[in-house]
Amino acid sequence: MKEVPIGVSARHIHLSEEHIATLFGKGYELTILKDLSQPGQFAAVETVAVKGKKGEFSKVRILGPARKHTQIELSQTDAFAIGVSPPIRESGHIEGTPGVTIIGPEGQVELETGVIIAARHIHFHTKDAERWNIKDKQLLRVQLKGKRPLTFDDVIARVSDQYALDFHIDTDEGNAAGVKTGETAVILD
């Protein structure tokens, strides 16, 4: 059986160095709150406000380290609440996506693009992918056996020697299946 740990991902933001400086001040370094499942990734102590056309979220967690481009990942429910219509995309694919206003303690950023609903995906270390004969970008079927069992199609395999095995879904998907971070899912053949 191909069991993978589940990581339910709440709304969060990845900031570029430039935007960290604008929001928190020149030379500012994010403070690690806790390490995440992917090596080198962390949740920062710092948060920002994210404002859309209809509303805003006041404490959106920043995930570090800094990235080349700022990106906000919301669930469909979150997007509706603040009045944006982001597409479902793989992380980093922000072309043609909507923007929002990001507000920090030292300034704000009018982001033109960067809001997505993250496509559900599984991070595979190359050794895990080889063991199960899974290729990068392969689409998988994954079964969640929570309180409300669901099977997800079109789960994207992301393979790298920089990854740790983890199935990433958003809060809408986790709530729909009644699962939490740390539970397991099964990749179906």
N, C-alpha and C. Protein backbone atom coordinates (compact mmCIF):
# COMPACT_ATOMS: atom_id res chain seq x y z
N MET A 1 0.84 -1.18 0.00
CA MET A 1 0.00 0.00 0.00
C MET A 1 0.89 1.25 0.00
N LYS A 2 0.51 2.23 -0.81
CA LYS A 2 1.28 3.46 -0.94
C LYS A 2 0.66 4.55 -0.05
N GLU A 3 1.04 4.53 1.22
CA GLU A 3 0.50 5.51 2.17
C GLU A 3 1.38 6.75 2.22
N VAL A 4 0.71 7.91 2.27
CA VAL A 4 1.43 9.18 2.35
C VAL A 4 0.82 10.03 3.46
N PRO A 5 1.65 10.77 4.19
CA PRO A 5 1.11 11.67 5.22
C PRO A 5 0.40 12.85 4.58
N ILE A 6 -0.64 13.31 5.24
CA ILE A 6 -1.44 14.45 4.76
C ILE A 6 -0.99 15.71 5.47
N GLY A 7 -0.86 16.78 4.70
CA GLY A 7 -0.62 18.12 5.24
C GLY A 7 -1.74 19.03 4.77
N VAL A 8 -2.61 19.45 5.70
CA VAL A 8 -3.69 20.37 5.36
C VAL A 8 -3.15 21.79 5.50
N SER A 9 -3.17 22.51 4.39
CA SER A 9 -2.53 23.81 4.32
C SER A 9 -3.56 24.94 4.43
N ALA A 10 -3.44 25.74 5.49
CA ALA A 10 -4.30 26.91 5.66
C ALA A 10 -3.80 28.04 4.77
N ARG A 11 -4.59 29.11 4.65
CA ARG A 11 -4.16 30.27 3.84
C ARG A 11 -2.80 30.73 4.31
N HIS A 12 -1.95 31.11 3.35
CA HIS A 12 -0.61 31.58 3.69
C HIS A 12 -0.03 32.38 2.54
N ILE A 13 1.11 33.00 2.80
CA ILE A 13 1.76 33.83 1.80
C ILE A 13 3.25 33.54 1.77
N HIS A 14 3.81 33.56 0.57
CA HIS A 14 5.25 33.49 0.35
C HIS A 14 5.65 34.86 -0.16
N LEU A 15 6.64 35.50 0.45
CA LEU A 15 7.04 36.85 0.08
C LEU A 15 8.40 36.88 -0.59
N SER A 16 8.56 37.81 -1.53
CA SER A 16 9.86 38.07 -2.13
C SER A 16 10.67 38.92 -1.15
N GLU A 17 11.99 38.96 -1.33
CA GLU A 17 12.85 39.81 -0.49
C GLU A 17 12.40 41.27 -0.57
N GLU A 18 12.09 41.72 -1.78
CA GLU A 18 11.64 43.11 -1.99
C GLU A 18 10.39 43.42 -1.17
N HIS A 19 9.44 42.50 -1.17
CA HIS A 19 8.20 42.74 -0.45
C HIS A 19 8.38 42.61 1.06
N ILE A 20 9.28 41.75 1.51
CA ILE A 20 9.60 41.69 2.95
C ILE A 20 10.13 43.05 3.40
N ALA A 21 11.02 43.64 2.60
CA ALA A 21 11.59 44.95 2.93
C ALA A 21 10.52 46.03 2.96
N THR A 22 9.61 46.01 2.00
CA THR A 22 8.53 47.01 1.96
C THR A 22 7.60 46.86 3.15
N LEU A 23 7.26 45.64 3.50
CA LEU A 23 6.27 45.39 4.56
C LEU A 23 6.84 45.48 5.97
N PHE A 24 8.13 45.15 6.14
CA PHE A 24 8.72 45.06 7.48
C PHE A 24 9.93 45.97 7.69
N GLY A 25 10.46 46.53 6.62
CA GLY A 25 11.62 47.40 6.74
C GLY A 25 12.84 46.79 6.06
N LYS A 26 13.69 47.66 5.56
CA LYS A 26 14.90 47.24 4.83
C LYS A 26 15.77 46.35 5.71
N GLY A 27 16.24 45.22 5.14
CA GLY A 27 17.12 44.30 5.85
C GLY A 27 16.43 43.38 6.84
N TYR A 28 15.10 43.41 6.88
CA TYR A 28 14.35 42.60 7.85
C TYR A 28 14.51 41.10 7.55
N GLU A 29 14.68 40.31 8.60
CA GLU A 29 14.79 38.85 8.48
C GLU A 29 13.57 38.21 9.16
N LEU A 30 12.91 37.29 8.48
CA LEU A 30 11.78 36.59 9.07
C LEU A 30 12.25 35.72 10.24
N THR A 31 11.39 35.59 11.24
CA THR A 31 11.68 34.79 12.43
C THR A 31 10.99 33.44 12.32
N ILE A 32 11.73 32.37 12.51
CA ILE A 32 11.15 31.02 12.39
C ILE A 32 10.26 30.72 13.60
N LEU A 33 9.00 30.39 13.31
CA LEU A 33 8.06 29.93 14.33
C LEU A 33 8.16 28.42 14.46
N LYS A 34 8.10 27.72 13.31
CA LYS A 34 8.25 26.26 13.31
C LYS A 34 8.65 25.80 11.92
N ASP A 35 9.37 24.69 11.88
CA ASP A 35 9.75 24.08 10.61
C ASP A 35 8.53 23.38 10.00
N LEU A 36 8.49 23.32 8.69
CA LEU A 36 7.41 22.65 7.97
C LEU A 36 7.90 21.29 7.46
N SER A 37 7.00 20.55 6.82
CA SER A 37 7.34 19.20 6.37
C SER A 37 8.41 19.17 5.29
N GLN A 38 8.50 20.24 4.50
CA GLN A 38 9.50 20.27 3.43
C GLN A 38 10.81 20.84 3.96
N PRO A 39 11.92 20.18 3.70
CA PRO A 39 13.22 20.62 4.23
C PRO A 39 13.51 22.08 3.88
N GLY A 40 13.92 22.84 4.89
CA GLY A 40 14.29 24.24 4.71
C GLY A 40 13.13 25.21 4.72
N GLN A 41 11.90 24.72 4.73
CA GLN A 41 10.71 25.57 4.74
C GLN A 41 10.25 25.79 6.18
N PHE A 42 9.71 26.98 6.45
CA PHE A 42 9.25 27.26 7.81
C PHE A 42 8.06 28.20 7.82
N ALA A 43 7.29 28.12 8.88
CA ALA A 43 6.25 29.12 9.17
C ALA A 43 6.93 30.20 9.98
N ALA A 44 6.71 31.45 9.58
CA ALA A 44 7.32 32.58 10.27
C ALA A 44 6.41 33.06 11.40
N VAL A 45 7.03 33.71 12.38
CA VAL A 45 6.27 34.36 13.45
C VAL A 45 5.40 35.47 12.85
N GLU A 46 5.96 36.17 11.85
CA GLU A 46 5.31 37.33 11.27
C GLU A 46 4.08 36.95 10.43
N THR A 47 3.11 37.86 10.45
CA THR A 47 1.92 37.75 9.62
C THR A 47 1.68 39.09 8.93
N VAL A 48 0.83 39.07 7.92
CA VAL A 48 0.43 40.28 7.23
C VAL A 48 -1.08 40.25 7.03
N ALA A 49 -1.65 41.41 6.72
CA ALA A 49 -3.06 41.47 6.33
C ALA A 49 -3.12 41.37 4.81
N VAL A 50 -4.15 40.67 4.33
CA VAL A 50 -4.38 40.53 2.90
C VAL A 50 -5.79 41.05 2.62
N LYS A 51 -5.87 42.06 1.74
CA LYS A 51 -7.14 42.73 1.48
C LYS A 51 -7.56 42.55 0.03
N GLY A 52 -8.79 42.06 -0.15
CA GLY A 52 -9.38 41.93 -1.48
C GLY A 52 -10.46 42.96 -1.68
N LYS A 53 -11.29 42.77 -2.71
CA LYS A 53 -12.35 43.72 -3.04
C LYS A 53 -13.47 43.74 -2.01
N LYS A 54 -13.75 42.61 -1.38
CA LYS A 54 -14.89 42.50 -0.45
C LYS A 54 -14.50 42.40 1.02
N GLY A 55 -13.25 42.11 1.32
CA GLY A 55 -12.88 41.91 2.71
C GLY A 55 -11.41 41.66 2.85
N GLU A 56 -11.01 41.35 4.09
CA GLU A 56 -9.59 41.09 4.34
C GLU A 56 -9.40 40.09 5.45
N PHE A 57 -8.24 39.47 5.43
CA PHE A 57 -7.79 38.59 6.51
C PHE A 57 -6.67 39.32 7.22
N SER A 58 -6.75 39.42 8.55
CA SER A 58 -5.79 40.24 9.28
C SER A 58 -4.48 39.55 9.63
N LYS A 59 -4.45 38.24 9.75
CA LYS A 59 -3.23 37.56 10.18
C LYS A 59 -2.93 36.38 9.28
N VAL A 60 -2.41 36.67 8.11
CA VAL A 60 -2.04 35.62 7.16
C VAL A 60 -0.58 35.24 7.42
N ARG A 61 -0.37 33.97 7.71
CA ARG A 61 0.97 33.48 8.07
C ARG A 61 1.91 33.55 6.87
N ILE A 62 3.11 34.01 7.12
CA ILE A 62 4.16 34.03 6.10
C ILE A 62 4.94 32.72 6.20
N LEU A 63 5.19 32.11 5.03
CA LEU A 63 6.04 30.92 4.99
C LEU A 63 7.36 31.32 4.35
N GLY A 64 8.45 30.87 4.93
CA GLY A 64 9.76 31.21 4.44
C GLY A 64 10.49 29.99 3.96
N PRO A 65 11.65 30.20 3.37
CA PRO A 65 12.35 31.46 3.19
C PRO A 65 11.74 32.29 2.06
N ALA A 66 12.32 33.48 1.82
CA ALA A 66 11.85 34.36 0.76
C ALA A 66 11.90 33.63 -0.58
N ARG A 67 10.98 33.99 -1.45
CA ARG A 67 10.91 33.42 -2.80
C ARG A 67 11.20 34.49 -3.85
N LYS A 68 11.35 34.05 -5.08
CA LYS A 68 11.60 34.98 -6.17
C LYS A 68 10.40 35.90 -6.39
N HIS A 69 9.18 35.34 -6.28
CA HIS A 69 7.95 36.10 -6.48
C HIS A 69 7.01 35.89 -5.31
N THR A 70 6.30 36.93 -4.93
CA THR A 70 5.29 36.82 -3.88
C THR A 70 4.09 36.04 -4.40
N GLN A 71 3.58 35.15 -3.56
CA GLN A 71 2.44 34.30 -3.92
C GLN A 71 1.58 34.08 -2.69
N ILE A 72 0.27 34.18 -2.87
CA ILE A 72 -0.69 33.94 -1.79
C ILE A 72 -1.49 32.71 -2.16
N GLU A 73 -1.63 31.78 -1.21
CA GLU A 73 -2.40 30.57 -1.44
C GLU A 73 -3.62 30.59 -0.53
N LEU A 74 -4.80 30.57 -1.16
CA LEU A 74 -6.08 30.61 -0.46
C LEU A 74 -6.89 29.38 -0.81
N SER A 75 -7.87 29.06 0.01
CA SER A 75 -8.88 28.08 -0.36
C SER A 75 -9.96 28.81 -1.17
N GLN A 76 -10.82 28.07 -1.82
CA GLN A 76 -11.93 28.69 -2.57
C GLN A 76 -12.81 29.51 -1.62
N THR A 77 -13.07 28.99 -0.43
CA THR A 77 -13.88 29.70 0.56
C THR A 77 -13.22 31.01 0.96
N ASP A 78 -11.90 31.00 1.20
CA ASP A 78 -11.16 32.22 1.54
C ASP A 78 -11.27 33.24 0.41
N ALA A 79 -11.07 32.78 -0.83
CA ALA A 79 -11.09 33.67 -1.98
C ALA A 79 -12.45 34.36 -2.11
N PHE A 80 -13.51 33.60 -1.94
CA PHE A 80 -14.85 34.15 -2.01
C PHE A 80 -15.06 35.21 -0.92
N ALA A 81 -14.56 34.92 0.27
CA ALA A 81 -14.76 35.83 1.42
C ALA A 81 -14.14 37.21 1.20
N ILE A 82 -13.01 37.27 0.48
CA ILE A 82 -12.38 38.58 0.27
C ILE A 82 -12.59 39.13 -1.14
N GLY A 83 -13.34 38.40 -1.97
CA GLY A 83 -13.71 38.93 -3.27
C GLY A 83 -12.68 38.82 -4.36
N VAL A 84 -11.93 37.72 -4.39
CA VAL A 84 -11.02 37.47 -5.51
C VAL A 84 -11.39 36.13 -6.15
N SER A 85 -11.01 35.97 -7.41
CA SER A 85 -11.32 34.74 -8.15
C SER A 85 -10.04 34.13 -8.71
N PRO A 86 -9.24 33.52 -7.85
CA PRO A 86 -7.98 32.93 -8.34
C PRO A 86 -8.21 31.59 -9.02
N PRO A 87 -7.33 31.25 -9.96
CA PRO A 87 -7.39 29.93 -10.58
C PRO A 87 -6.72 28.89 -9.68
N ILE A 88 -7.00 27.63 -9.99
CA ILE A 88 -6.30 26.53 -9.33
C ILE A 88 -5.01 26.34 -10.12
N ARG A 89 -3.88 26.44 -9.41
CA ARG A 89 -2.57 26.40 -10.07
C ARG A 89 -1.56 25.67 -9.21
N GLU A 90 -0.50 25.21 -9.89
CA GLU A 90 0.67 24.73 -9.16
C GLU A 90 1.39 25.94 -8.58
N SER A 91 2.02 25.74 -7.47
CA SER A 91 2.81 26.80 -6.84
C SER A 91 3.83 27.35 -7.82
N GLY A 92 3.96 28.68 -7.83
CA GLY A 92 4.91 29.34 -8.71
C GLY A 92 4.35 29.75 -10.06
N HIS A 93 3.18 29.24 -10.42
CA HIS A 93 2.55 29.56 -11.70
C HIS A 93 1.52 30.67 -11.48
N ILE A 94 2.00 31.91 -11.43
CA ILE A 94 1.13 33.03 -11.05
C ILE A 94 0.75 33.94 -12.21
N GLU A 95 1.19 33.64 -13.42
CA GLU A 95 0.86 34.47 -14.56
C GLU A 95 -0.66 34.52 -14.73
N GLY A 96 -1.20 35.73 -14.93
CA GLY A 96 -2.63 35.89 -15.18
C GLY A 96 -3.52 35.69 -13.97
N THR A 97 -2.93 35.68 -12.78
CA THR A 97 -3.73 35.51 -11.55
C THR A 97 -4.09 36.89 -11.00
N PRO A 98 -5.11 36.96 -10.13
CA PRO A 98 -5.47 38.26 -9.57
C PRO A 98 -4.48 38.70 -8.49
N GLY A 99 -4.60 39.95 -8.12
CA GLY A 99 -3.78 40.52 -7.06
C GLY A 99 -4.64 40.95 -5.88
N VAL A 100 -3.99 41.39 -4.84
CA VAL A 100 -4.62 41.90 -3.62
C VAL A 100 -3.69 42.95 -3.02
N THR A 101 -4.12 43.56 -1.95
CA THR A 101 -3.27 44.46 -1.19
C THR A 101 -2.72 43.70 0.01
N ILE A 102 -1.41 43.80 0.23
CA ILE A 102 -0.77 43.17 1.38
C ILE A 102 -0.33 44.29 2.31
N ILE A 103 -0.71 44.18 3.58
CA ILE A 103 -0.43 45.24 4.55
C ILE A 103 0.45 44.70 5.67
N GLY A 104 1.60 45.34 5.86
CA GLY A 104 2.52 44.97 6.93
C GLY A 104 2.68 46.13 7.90
N PRO A 105 3.48 45.95 8.93
CA PRO A 105 3.65 47.00 9.93
C PRO A 105 4.40 48.24 9.43
N GLU A 106 5.18 48.10 8.34
CA GLU A 106 5.98 49.23 7.85
C GLU A 106 5.57 49.73 6.47
N GLY A 107 4.58 49.08 5.85
CA GLY A 107 4.16 49.51 4.52
C GLY A 107 3.18 48.53 3.92
N GLN A 108 2.81 48.80 2.67
CA GLN A 108 1.91 47.89 1.97
C GLN A 108 2.34 47.70 0.54
N VAL A 109 1.86 46.61 -0.06
CA VAL A 109 2.18 46.25 -1.43
C VAL A 109 0.87 46.05 -2.17
N GLU A 110 0.76 46.71 -3.33
CA GLU A 110 -0.37 46.47 -4.23
C GLU A 110 0.08 45.39 -5.20
N LEU A 111 -0.26 44.16 -4.88
CA LEU A 111 0.18 43.01 -5.68
C LEU A 111 -0.72 42.89 -6.91
N GLU A 112 -0.13 42.92 -8.10
CA GLU A 112 -0.91 42.85 -9.34
C GLU A 112 -1.31 41.42 -9.68
N THR A 113 -0.43 40.46 -9.42
CA THR A 113 -0.71 39.05 -9.65
C THR A 113 -0.13 38.26 -8.47
N GLY A 114 -0.59 37.03 -8.30
CA GLY A 114 0.03 36.19 -7.28
C GLY A 114 -0.92 35.40 -6.41
N VAL A 115 -2.24 35.56 -6.57
CA VAL A 115 -3.18 34.83 -5.73
C VAL A 115 -3.62 33.55 -6.46
N ILE A 116 -3.42 32.41 -5.81
CA ILE A 116 -3.84 31.12 -6.40
C ILE A 116 -4.57 30.28 -5.36
N ILE A 117 -5.30 29.31 -5.88
CA ILE A 117 -5.76 28.18 -5.09
C ILE A 117 -4.79 27.07 -5.48
N ALA A 118 -4.04 26.57 -4.53
CA ALA A 118 -3.00 25.59 -4.86
C ALA A 118 -3.62 24.27 -5.33
N ALA A 119 -3.14 23.79 -6.44
CA ALA A 119 -3.55 22.47 -6.93
C ALA A 119 -3.07 21.42 -5.93
N ARG A 120 -3.94 20.48 -5.61
CA ARG A 120 -3.52 19.43 -4.68
C ARG A 120 -2.36 18.65 -5.29
N HIS A 121 -1.41 18.31 -4.43
CA HIS A 121 -0.18 17.69 -4.93
C HIS A 121 0.48 16.86 -3.84
N ILE A 122 1.35 15.98 -4.27
CA ILE A 122 2.17 15.21 -3.33
C ILE A 122 3.62 15.50 -3.64
N HIS A 123 4.36 15.89 -2.60
CA HIS A 123 5.80 16.02 -2.70
C HIS A 123 6.40 14.63 -2.50
N PHE A 124 7.25 14.21 -3.42
CA PHE A 124 7.95 12.94 -3.31
C PHE A 124 9.44 13.21 -3.31
N HIS A 125 10.15 12.62 -2.36
CA HIS A 125 11.61 12.56 -2.50
C HIS A 125 11.85 11.59 -3.65
N THR A 126 12.91 11.81 -4.40
CA THR A 126 13.19 10.95 -5.55
C THR A 126 13.22 9.46 -5.19
N LYS A 127 13.70 9.12 -4.00
CA LYS A 127 13.75 7.71 -3.59
C LYS A 127 12.35 7.13 -3.43
N ASP A 128 11.41 7.93 -2.86
CA ASP A 128 10.02 7.46 -2.71
C ASP A 128 9.37 7.29 -4.09
N ALA A 129 9.61 8.24 -4.97
CA ALA A 129 9.03 8.17 -6.32
C ALA A 129 9.56 6.95 -7.07
N GLU A 130 10.86 6.69 -6.97
CA GLU A 130 11.45 5.52 -7.64
C GLU A 130 10.89 4.23 -7.06
N ARG A 131 10.75 4.16 -5.75
CA ARG A 131 10.23 2.95 -5.09
C ARG A 131 8.83 2.61 -5.59
N TRP A 132 8.01 3.65 -5.87
CA TRP A 132 6.64 3.43 -6.30
C TRP A 132 6.44 3.67 -7.80
N ASN A 133 7.55 3.88 -8.53
CA ASN A 133 7.49 4.10 -9.98
C ASN A 133 6.58 5.29 -10.35
N ILE A 134 6.78 6.40 -9.67
CA ILE A 134 6.01 7.61 -9.91
C ILE A 134 6.92 8.66 -10.53
N LYS A 135 6.42 9.31 -11.56
CA LYS A 135 7.19 10.31 -12.31
C LYS A 135 6.73 11.72 -11.95
N ASP A 136 7.64 12.69 -12.05
CA ASP A 136 7.31 14.08 -11.82
C ASP A 136 6.19 14.52 -12.75
N LYS A 137 5.21 15.23 -12.21
CA LYS A 137 4.03 15.77 -12.93
C LYS A 137 2.99 14.71 -13.27
N GLN A 138 3.23 13.46 -12.88
CA GLN A 138 2.23 12.41 -13.09
C GLN A 138 0.97 12.77 -12.30
N LEU A 139 -0.21 12.49 -12.86
CA LEU A 139 -1.46 12.72 -12.16
C LEU A 139 -1.88 11.43 -11.47
N LEU A 140 -2.22 11.55 -10.19
CA LEU A 140 -2.52 10.39 -9.35
C LEU A 140 -3.95 10.44 -8.81
N ARG A 141 -4.45 9.28 -8.40
CA ARG A 141 -5.71 9.19 -7.64
C ARG A 141 -5.32 8.87 -6.21
N VAL A 142 -5.89 9.63 -5.28
CA VAL A 142 -5.53 9.49 -3.87
C VAL A 142 -6.80 9.38 -3.03
N GLN A 143 -6.84 8.40 -2.16
CA GLN A 143 -8.00 8.18 -1.31
C GLN A 143 -7.72 8.66 0.11
N LEU A 144 -8.63 9.47 0.63
CA LEU A 144 -8.57 9.94 2.02
C LEU A 144 -9.61 9.18 2.80
N LYS A 145 -9.20 8.59 3.92
CA LYS A 145 -10.10 7.75 4.70
C LYS A 145 -10.49 8.44 5.99
N GLY A 146 -10.89 9.70 5.90
CA GLY A 146 -11.30 10.45 7.07
C GLY A 146 -12.71 10.11 7.48
N LYS A 147 -13.33 11.01 8.21
CA LYS A 147 -14.71 10.82 8.67
C LYS A 147 -15.68 10.81 7.50
N ARG A 148 -15.28 11.45 6.40
CA ARG A 148 -16.09 11.51 5.19
C ARG A 148 -15.19 11.12 4.02
N PRO A 149 -14.91 9.83 3.84
CA PRO A 149 -13.93 9.39 2.84
C PRO A 149 -14.17 9.98 1.45
N LEU A 150 -13.08 10.37 0.83
CA LEU A 150 -13.11 10.94 -0.51
C LEU A 150 -11.95 10.40 -1.32
N THR A 151 -12.14 10.34 -2.64
CA THR A 151 -11.04 10.03 -3.54
C THR A 151 -10.82 11.25 -4.43
N PHE A 152 -9.58 11.74 -4.45
CA PHE A 152 -9.23 12.88 -5.29
C PHE A 152 -8.52 12.38 -6.55
N ASP A 153 -8.97 12.89 -7.68
CA ASP A 153 -8.29 12.65 -8.95
C ASP A 153 -7.37 13.83 -9.23
N ASP A 154 -6.51 13.67 -10.23
CA ASP A 154 -5.64 14.75 -10.70
C ASP A 154 -4.76 15.36 -9.60
N VAL A 155 -4.23 14.52 -8.75
CA VAL A 155 -3.26 14.96 -7.74
C VAL A 155 -1.90 14.95 -8.42
N ILE A 156 -1.23 16.10 -8.41
CA ILE A 156 0.03 16.24 -9.14
C ILE A 156 1.20 15.70 -8.32
N ALA A 157 1.99 14.83 -8.94
CA ALA A 157 3.22 14.33 -8.30
C ALA A 157 4.32 15.36 -8.55
N ARG A 158 4.97 15.79 -7.48
CA ARG A 158 6.11 16.71 -7.58
C ARG A 158 7.31 15.99 -6.99
N VAL A 159 8.28 15.68 -7.83
CA VAL A 159 9.40 14.83 -7.43
C VAL A 159 10.70 15.63 -7.42
N SER A 160 11.43 15.55 -6.31
CA SER A 160 12.74 16.21 -6.19
C SER A 160 13.51 15.58 -5.04
N ASP A 161 14.83 15.63 -5.15
CA ASP A 161 15.64 15.16 -4.02
C ASP A 161 15.65 16.19 -2.88
N GLN A 162 14.97 17.33 -3.09
CA GLN A 162 14.84 18.36 -2.05
C GLN A 162 13.53 18.24 -1.27
N TYR A 163 12.66 17.29 -1.65
CA TYR A 163 11.34 17.15 -1.02
C TYR A 163 11.31 16.02 -0.01
N ALA A 164 10.32 16.11 0.89
CA ALA A 164 9.97 15.02 1.80
C ALA A 164 8.55 14.60 1.45
N LEU A 165 8.24 13.33 1.60
CA LEU A 165 6.93 12.79 1.24
C LEU A 165 5.83 13.47 2.03
N ASP A 166 4.88 14.11 1.32
CA ASP A 166 3.76 14.80 1.97
C ASP A 166 2.70 15.13 0.93
N PHE A 167 1.44 14.88 1.25
CA PHE A 167 0.29 15.16 0.39
C PHE A 167 -0.32 16.47 0.85
N HIS A 168 -0.29 17.50 0.00
CA HIS A 168 -0.78 18.82 0.37
C HIS A 168 -2.15 19.10 -0.22
N ILE A 169 -3.10 19.39 0.68
CA ILE A 169 -4.45 19.81 0.30
C ILE A 169 -4.77 21.07 1.10
N ASP A 170 -5.80 21.80 0.65
CA ASP A 170 -6.16 23.01 1.40
C ASP A 170 -7.25 22.70 2.43
N THR A 171 -7.63 23.72 3.18
CA THR A 171 -8.59 23.52 4.27
C THR A 171 -9.95 23.09 3.76
N ASP A 172 -10.39 23.59 2.61
CA ASP A 172 -11.67 23.15 2.06
C ASP A 172 -11.64 21.64 1.79
N GLU A 173 -10.56 21.16 1.19
CA GLU A 173 -10.44 19.74 0.87
C GLU A 173 -10.31 18.90 2.13
N GLY A 174 -9.52 19.37 3.08
CA GLY A 174 -9.37 18.64 4.34
C GLY A 174 -10.69 18.55 5.10
N ASN A 175 -11.42 19.67 5.15
CA ASN A 175 -12.71 19.67 5.84
C ASN A 175 -13.73 18.78 5.14
N ALA A 176 -13.71 18.77 3.81
CA ALA A 176 -14.65 17.94 3.06
C ALA A 176 -14.47 16.46 3.38
N ALA A 177 -13.22 16.04 3.61
CA ALA A 177 -12.93 14.64 3.91
C ALA A 177 -12.89 14.36 5.42
N GLY A 178 -12.90 15.41 6.23
CA GLY A 178 -12.81 15.21 7.68
C GLY A 178 -11.45 14.72 8.12
N VAL A 179 -10.38 15.21 7.46
CA VAL A 179 -9.02 14.80 7.83
C VAL A 179 -8.22 15.98 8.35
N LYS A 180 -7.14 15.66 9.07
CA LYS A 180 -6.25 16.67 9.63
C LYS A 180 -4.81 16.34 9.25
N THR A 181 -3.96 17.34 9.40
CA THR A 181 -2.53 17.15 9.18
C THR A 181 -2.03 16.00 10.05
N GLY A 182 -1.21 15.14 9.46
CA GLY A 182 -0.64 14.01 10.20
C GLY A 182 -1.36 12.70 9.93
N GLU A 183 -2.60 12.76 9.43
CA GLU A 183 -3.28 11.53 9.06
C GLU A 183 -2.68 11.05 7.74
N THR A 184 -3.13 9.91 7.24
CA THR A 184 -2.55 9.37 6.01
C THR A 184 -3.60 9.17 4.92
N ALA A 185 -3.12 9.20 3.70
CA ALA A 185 -3.94 8.92 2.51
C ALA A 185 -3.26 7.79 1.76
N VAL A 186 -3.98 7.22 0.80
CA VAL A 186 -3.45 6.10 0.03
C VAL A 186 -3.48 6.45 -1.45
N ILE A 187 -2.35 6.25 -2.11
CA ILE A 187 -2.29 6.42 -3.56
C ILE A 187 -2.86 5.17 -4.19
N LEU A 188 -3.87 5.33 -5.05
CA LEU A 188 -4.51 4.19 -5.70
C LEU A 188 -3.81 3.91 -7.02
N ASP A 189 -3.74 2.63 -7.39
CA ASP A 189 -3.14 2.27 -8.69
C ASP A 189 -4.12 2.52 -9.80
